Amino acid sequence: MASARLQPDANAIFALAGHALNQLKMLSISGKLKGDVD
């Protein structure tokens, strides 16, 4: 909680990081699916 006070944007940064990780997961999964299809 102390870090949250020091960095109010921490939540936004974590949200963006989580979104980026989800996008990478989806890309890797779709890549595997495409590879299986090919």
Protein backbone atom coordinates (compact mmCIF):
# COMPACT_ATOMS: atom_id res chain seq x y z
CA MET A 1 0.00 0.00 0.00
CA ALA A 2 2.92 2.35 0.72
CA SER A 3 4.21 1.86 -2.83
CA ALA A 4 0.73 2.71 -4.12
CA ARG A 5 0.92 6.06 -2.29
CA LEU A 6 4.38 6.76 -3.69
CA GLN A 7 3.35 5.72 -7.20
CA PRO A 8 -0.34 6.50 -7.91
CA ASP A 9 0.14 5.30 -11.49
CA ALA A 10 1.34 1.86 -10.38
CA ASN A 11 -2.13 0.38 -10.94
CA ALA A 12 -2.27 1.78 -14.47
CA ILE A 13 1.23 0.48 -15.21
CA PHE A 14 0.33 -2.98 -13.91
CA ALA A 15 -2.90 -2.93 -15.93
CA LEU A 16 -0.98 -2.04 -19.11
CA ALA A 17 1.63 -4.72 -18.37
CA GLY A 18 -1.09 -7.31 -17.79
CA HIS A 19 -2.83 -6.30 -21.02
CA ALA A 20 0.45 -6.59 -22.95
CA LEU A 21 1.08 -10.05 -21.44
CA ASN A 22 -2.42 -11.16 -22.41
CA GLN A 23 -1.86 -9.91 -25.97
CA LEU A 24 1.44 -11.83 -26.15
CA LYS A 25 -0.31 -14.97 -24.88
CA MET A 26 -3.06 -14.62 -27.49
CA LEU A 27 -0.46 -14.02 -30.23
CA SER A 28 1.58 -17.05 -29.18
CA ILE A 29 -1.57 -19.21 -28.97
CA SER A 30 -2.81 -18.01 -32.37
CA GLY A 31 0.68 -18.59 -33.76
CA LYS A 32 0.65 -22.16 -32.46
CA LEU A 33 -2.84 -22.70 -33.91
CA LYS A 34 -1.73 -21.31 -37.27
CA GLY A 35 1.35 -23.54 -37.13
CA ASP A 36 -0.85 -26.57 -36.41
CA VAL A 37 -3.19 -25.64 -39.27
CA ASP A 38 -0.26 -25.19 -41.66
